[in-house]
Amino acid sequence: MNPHLAPATSMKSLARTLWSHRELIARMTRREITGRYKGSWMGLFWSFLNPLFMLAVYTLVFSVVFKAKWGVDTGGPGSRTQFAIVLFAGMIVHAFFAEVINRAPGLILANTNFVKKVVFPLETLVATTAGAALFHAATSTAVLLLAFGLFNGHLQWTTVFLPLVFLPLIVLAMGCGWFLASVGVFVRDIAQVVAMATAVLMFLSPVFFPVSALPPRLQPWIQLNPLTFIIEQTREVVIWGHLPDWAGLGVYLAIATTVAWLGYAWFQKTRTGFADVL
């Protein structure tokens, strides 16, 4: 890398960077995952135990305390236990997105030693964070599938499409991550704003309720939430056994790719000022 050249910002450069540094991203992702549980007795088992505990809590609260049901004709079981599974599916999507963008504002600040190393590709830090968040989402999904199989006696074959459902969200999260990682260097308060925004986003997403439960005049507005479509599609393929909305996923991926490119371009354009601020 020539420090005197302007950082590349093209889509081709983005794809080339992620591909050429794939081994570095994989190693740093493994270090990120194992480092989180380093020194604990059960190690990585905590990544499985945490979502298992949360699902048990959801099942207890919503099936015993609130006696809640999903309350719409979705083509699947409507039991109170099923409500906890449906809710947990939405929580997985929100938790993945929230983890990426909540950590993004502090990524450069937490790795200031890399800023002065010209040969280190700072843009891979966001990809590493997304990889670690994806690992935890995959672990939670395994717990979800285990619970669904135990309660229903089978798994939906359409679950095989879940990675394709998650792909546009991964791309979108990385785009937001690059933008926030850059802004976090210059505006330290952005981390607090993002933390509040992700908390609010959970209640403005169809995590605890179906979109059809809202008044018709409000449904178009909640569809603007970037998590709404992915949450609904996750439930379609994992719980209700329906095929994904391929056209919708295609449009979402196109928008997410544009956001990722803009976020990456912003990051590359502003990275030259990181050292001066830090």
Protein backbone atom coordinates (compact mmCIF):
# COMPACT_ATOMS: atom_id res chain seq x y z
CA MET A 1 0.00 0.00 0.00
CA ASN A 2 1.32 3.42 -0.97
CA PRO A 3 0.44 5.98 1.74
CA HIS A 4 0.68 8.81 -0.79
CA LEU A 5 -2.09 7.41 -2.97
CA ALA A 6 -5.73 8.21 -2.30
CA PRO A 7 -7.51 5.12 -0.91
CA ALA A 8 -9.58 3.28 -3.50
CA THR A 9 -13.34 3.65 -3.06
CA SER A 10 -14.81 1.69 -5.96
CA MET A 11 -17.08 -1.35 -5.62
CA LYS A 12 -14.37 -3.40 -7.30
CA SER A 13 -11.89 -2.26 -4.67
CA LEU A 14 -14.32 -3.26 -1.91
CA ALA A 15 -14.75 -6.77 -3.30
CA ARG A 16 -11.01 -7.13 -3.92
CA THR A 17 -10.18 -5.98 -0.38
CA LEU A 18 -12.54 -8.45 1.29
CA TRP A 19 -11.34 -11.32 -0.90
CA SER A 20 -7.60 -10.64 -0.66
CA HIS A 21 -7.78 -10.28 3.13
CA ARG A 22 -10.17 -13.18 3.72
CA GLU A 23 -7.59 -15.17 5.70
CA LEU A 24 -6.80 -12.17 7.91
CA ILE A 25 -10.52 -11.59 8.50
CA ALA A 26 -11.01 -15.26 9.37
CA ARG A 27 -8.11 -15.26 11.85
CA MET A 28 -9.20 -12.03 13.51
CA THR A 29 -12.78 -13.28 13.70
CA ARG A 30 -11.63 -16.43 15.49
CA ARG A 31 -9.56 -14.31 17.86
CA GLU A 32 -12.56 -12.06 18.49
CA ILE A 33 -14.83 -15.01 19.27
CA THR A 34 -12.39 -16.89 21.51
CA GLY A 35 -11.20 -13.69 23.20
CA ARG A 36 -14.70 -12.93 24.40
CA TYR A 37 -14.75 -16.08 26.54
CA LYS A 38 -11.04 -16.28 27.30
CA GLY A 39 -10.34 -17.30 30.87
CA SER A 40 -13.83 -18.66 31.53
CA TRP A 41 -14.27 -22.28 32.53
CA MET A 42 -16.77 -23.19 29.84
CA GLY A 43 -15.23 -21.10 27.06
CA LEU A 44 -17.16 -21.16 23.78
CA PHE A 45 -19.93 -23.19 25.41
CA TRP A 46 -21.22 -19.86 26.74
CA SER A 47 -22.08 -18.84 23.17
CA PHE A 48 -24.51 -21.76 23.11
CA LEU A 49 -25.68 -21.46 26.71
CA ASN A 50 -26.62 -17.76 26.52
CA PRO A 51 -29.23 -18.07 23.73
CA LEU A 52 -30.49 -21.32 25.28
CA PHE A 53 -31.08 -19.50 28.56
CA MET A 54 -32.79 -16.58 26.81
CA LEU A 55 -35.11 -18.91 24.89
CA ALA A 56 -36.03 -20.65 28.14
CA VAL A 57 -36.84 -17.28 29.71
CA TYR A 58 -38.96 -16.22 26.74
CA THR A 59 -40.84 -19.51 26.81
CA LEU A 60 -41.53 -19.21 30.53
CA VAL A 61 -42.60 -15.56 30.43
CA PHE A 62 -44.76 -15.65 27.35
CA SER A 63 -46.29 -19.12 27.68
CA VAL A 64 -46.85 -19.12 31.45
CA VAL A 65 -46.99 -15.52 32.64
CA PHE A 66 -48.54 -13.67 29.69
CA LYS A 67 -50.15 -16.73 28.08
CA ALA A 68 -49.44 -15.08 24.77
CA LYS A 69 -50.14 -16.36 21.29
CA TRP A 70 -48.99 -14.96 17.97
CA GLY A 71 -52.61 -14.29 17.14
CA VAL A 72 -52.51 -14.37 13.35
CA ASP A 73 -53.17 -17.02 10.75
CA THR A 74 -49.66 -17.88 9.68
CA GLY A 75 -50.14 -21.46 8.66
CA GLY A 76 -48.15 -22.76 11.59
CA PRO A 77 -48.86 -23.83 15.14
CA GLY A 78 -50.41 -21.12 17.30
CA SER A 79 -49.50 -22.42 20.73
CA ARG A 80 -48.16 -20.20 23.46
CA THR A 81 -44.82 -21.99 23.28
CA GLN A 82 -44.71 -21.21 19.59
CA PHE A 83 -44.93 -17.51 20.45
CA ALA A 84 -41.57 -17.72 22.23
CA ILE A 85 -40.00 -19.40 19.19
CA VAL A 86 -41.43 -16.78 16.82
CA LEU A 87 -40.20 -14.00 19.12
CA PHE A 88 -36.75 -15.58 19.40
CA ALA A 89 -36.40 -15.68 15.61
CA GLY A 90 -36.95 -11.92 15.49
CA MET A 91 -34.52 -11.36 18.35
CA ILE A 92 -31.75 -13.19 16.47
CA VAL A 93 -32.05 -10.81 13.52
CA HIS A 94 -32.10 -7.73 15.73
CA ALA A 95 -29.21 -8.97 17.89
CA PHE A 96 -26.97 -9.52 14.86
CA PHE A 97 -27.60 -6.07 13.42
CA ALA A 98 -27.37 -4.38 16.82
CA GLU A 99 -24.05 -6.05 17.68
CA VAL A 100 -22.42 -4.88 14.46
CA ILE A 101 -23.54 -1.26 14.57
CA ASN A 102 -23.15 -0.89 18.35
CA ARG A 103 -19.51 -1.94 18.18
CA ALA A 104 -18.71 -0.02 15.00
CA PRO A 105 -18.26 3.49 16.53
CA GLY A 106 -15.52 2.24 18.85
CA LEU A 107 -13.65 -0.02 16.42
CA ILE A 108 -10.96 2.44 15.38
CA LEU A 109 -10.68 3.90 18.89
CA ALA A 110 -10.10 0.41 20.29
CA ASN A 111 -7.43 -0.35 17.71
CA THR A 112 -5.41 2.84 17.57
CA ASN A 113 -2.21 0.83 17.23
CA PHE A 114 -3.37 -0.28 13.78
CA VAL A 115 -4.02 3.26 12.55
CA LYS A 116 -0.33 4.12 12.28
CA LYS A 117 0.46 0.83 10.55
CA VAL A 118 0.00 1.81 6.93
CA VAL A 119 0.01 -1.78 5.70
CA PHE A 120 -2.88 -2.80 7.94
CA PRO A 121 -6.26 -2.75 6.17
CA LEU A 122 -8.46 -0.94 8.71
CA GLU A 123 -11.58 -1.71 6.70
CA THR A 124 -11.30 -5.37 7.70
CA LEU A 125 -12.13 -4.49 11.31
CA VAL A 126 -15.80 -4.06 10.36
CA ALA A 127 -15.79 -7.38 8.51
CA THR A 128 -14.28 -9.03 11.59
CA THR A 129 -17.01 -7.62 13.81
CA ALA A 130 -19.67 -8.82 11.37
CA GLY A 131 -18.07 -12.27 11.32
CA ALA A 132 -18.14 -12.55 15.11
CA ALA A 133 -21.75 -11.34 15.24
CA LEU A 134 -22.65 -13.85 12.55
CA PHE A 135 -21.11 -16.65 14.62
CA HIS A 136 -23.30 -15.75 17.58
CA ALA A 137 -26.34 -15.47 15.33
CA ALA A 138 -25.59 -18.93 13.94
CA THR A 139 -25.30 -20.33 17.46
CA SER A 140 -28.63 -18.77 18.42
CA THR A 141 -30.16 -20.17 15.25
CA ALA A 142 -28.97 -23.64 16.22
CA VAL A 143 -30.78 -23.22 19.55
CA LEU A 144 -33.88 -21.99 17.70
CA LEU A 145 -33.88 -25.02 15.39
CA LEU A 146 -33.35 -27.36 18.33
CA ALA A 147 -36.31 -25.88 20.18
CA PHE A 148 -38.49 -25.88 17.06
CA GLY A 149 -37.68 -29.53 16.43
CA LEU A 150 -38.44 -30.51 20.03
CA PHE A 151 -41.76 -28.64 20.16
CA ASN A 152 -42.97 -29.54 16.66
CA GLY A 153 -41.31 -32.87 15.96
CA HIS A 154 -39.79 -31.73 12.67
CA LEU A 155 -37.85 -28.97 10.94
CA GLN A 156 -39.05 -27.02 7.92
CA TRP A 157 -37.10 -27.94 4.79
CA THR A 158 -37.15 -24.28 3.75
CA THR A 159 -34.66 -23.56 6.55
CA VAL A 160 -31.91 -24.26 4.01
CA PHE A 161 -32.66 -20.82 2.52
CA LEU A 162 -31.90 -18.99 5.76
CA PRO A 163 -28.31 -18.04 4.74
CA LEU A 164 -29.72 -16.38 1.61
CA VAL A 165 -32.21 -14.48 3.76
CA PHE A 166 -29.42 -13.24 6.05
CA LEU A 167 -27.03 -12.27 3.24
CA PRO A 168 -28.58 -8.85 2.45
CA LEU A 169 -28.66 -7.97 6.16
CA ILE A 170 -24.96 -8.85 6.50
CA VAL A 171 -24.12 -6.55 3.59
CA LEU A 172 -26.26 -3.74 5.02
CA ALA A 173 -24.77 -4.11 8.51
CA MET A 174 -21.22 -3.87 7.14
CA GLY A 175 -22.09 -0.75 5.17
CA CYS A 176 -23.52 0.91 8.27
CA GLY A 177 -20.52 -0.36 10.23
CA TRP A 178 -17.98 1.34 7.96
CA PHE A 179 -19.84 4.62 8.16
CA LEU A 180 -20.21 4.51 11.95
CA ALA A 181 -16.61 3.36 12.49
CA SER A 182 -15.43 6.48 10.68
CA VAL A 183 -17.85 8.88 12.34
CA GLY A 184 -17.00 7.40 15.75
CA VAL A 185 -13.44 8.69 15.42
CA PHE A 186 -14.51 12.30 14.94
CA VAL A 187 -17.74 12.36 16.99
CA ARG A 188 -17.37 10.29 20.14
CA ASP A 189 -20.99 10.81 21.18
CA ILE A 190 -22.21 8.76 18.24
CA ALA A 191 -21.70 5.55 20.24
CA GLN A 192 -24.31 6.65 22.79
CA VAL A 193 -26.75 7.67 20.07
CA VAL A 194 -26.36 4.33 18.28
CA ALA A 195 -26.91 2.39 21.53
CA MET A 196 -30.19 4.21 22.14
CA ALA A 197 -31.23 3.84 18.51
CA THR A 198 -30.74 0.06 18.50
CA ALA A 199 -32.77 -0.27 21.70
CA VAL A 200 -35.61 1.71 20.14
CA LEU A 201 -35.23 -0.24 16.90
CA MET A 202 -36.09 -3.48 18.69
CA PHE A 203 -39.52 -2.14 19.66
CA LEU A 204 -40.10 -0.58 16.24
CA SER A 205 -39.39 -3.93 14.56
CA PRO A 206 -41.89 -6.80 14.34
CA VAL A 207 -40.05 -8.75 17.05
CA PHE A 208 -42.88 -8.88 19.60
CA PHE A 209 -45.77 -8.55 17.16
CA PRO A 210 -46.65 -9.36 13.53
CA VAL A 211 -46.90 -6.52 11.05
CA SER A 212 -50.51 -7.49 10.38
CA ALA A 213 -51.38 -6.64 14.00
CA LEU A 214 -50.72 -2.95 13.33
CA PRO A 215 -53.35 -0.58 11.96
CA PRO A 216 -53.21 -0.49 8.14
CA ARG A 217 -52.08 3.14 8.15
CA LEU A 218 -48.97 2.24 10.18
CA GLN A 219 -47.91 -0.88 8.28
CA PRO A 220 -46.17 0.99 5.41
CA TRP A 221 -44.09 2.89 7.96
CA ILE A 222 -42.82 -0.17 9.78
CA GLN A 223 -41.91 -1.69 6.42
CA LEU A 224 -39.33 1.10 6.12
CA ASN A 225 -37.50 -0.46 9.06
CA PRO A 226 -34.53 -2.34 7.54
CA LEU A 227 -35.07 -5.24 9.96
CA THR A 228 -38.76 -5.79 9.21
CA PHE A 229 -38.36 -7.63 5.92
CA ILE A 230 -35.52 -9.86 7.15
CA ILE A 231 -37.37 -10.76 10.36
CA GLU A 232 -40.47 -11.70 8.41
CA GLN A 233 -38.50 -13.72 5.86
CA THR A 234 -36.60 -15.52 8.62
CA ARG A 235 -39.89 -16.62 10.15
CA GLU A 236 -41.26 -17.61 6.75
CA VAL A 237 -38.44 -20.06 5.99
CA VAL A 238 -37.67 -21.34 9.51
CA ILE A 239 -41.08 -21.44 11.21
CA TRP A 240 -43.86 -21.33 8.65
CA GLY A 241 -42.14 -23.41 5.97
CA HIS A 242 -42.68 -20.94 3.12
CA LEU A 243 -40.25 -20.07 0.35
CA PRO A 244 -38.52 -16.69 0.60
CA ASP A 245 -39.69 -13.66 -1.31
CA TRP A 246 -36.97 -13.83 -3.96
CA ALA A 247 -37.92 -10.54 -5.61
CA GLY A 248 -37.94 -8.76 -2.27
CA LEU A 249 -34.57 -10.23 -1.33
CA GLY A 250 -33.14 -9.13 -4.66
CA VAL A 251 -34.29 -5.54 -4.16
CA TYR A 252 -33.06 -5.56 -0.54
CA LEU A 253 -29.65 -6.90 -1.62
CA ALA A 254 -29.32 -4.22 -4.29
CA ILE A 255 -30.08 -1.48 -1.74
CA ALA A 256 -27.82 -3.08 0.86
CA THR A 257 -24.96 -3.32 -1.65
CA THR A 258 -25.34 0.37 -2.45
CA VAL A 259 -25.27 1.23 1.26
CA ALA A 260 -22.20 -0.98 1.75
CA TRP A 261 -20.37 0.74 -1.10
CA LEU A 262 -21.27 4.22 0.19
CA GLY A 263 -20.20 3.28 3.72
CA TYR A 264 -16.93 1.83 2.45
CA ALA A 265 -16.26 4.88 0.24
CA TRP A 266 -16.92 7.21 3.19
CA PHE A 267 -14.57 5.17 5.37
CA GLN A 268 -11.81 5.24 2.76
CA LYS A 269 -12.19 8.96 2.15
CA THR A 270 -12.00 9.84 5.85
CA ARG A 271 -9.40 7.32 7.05
CA THR A 272 -6.54 9.71 6.25
CA GLY A 273 -7.70 11.89 9.15
CA PHE A 274 -7.83 9.13 11.75
CA ALA A 275 -4.21 9.49 12.84
CA ASP A 276 -4.53 13.24 13.31
CA VAL A 277 -7.60 12.91 15.55
CA LEU A 278 -6.23 9.98 17.57
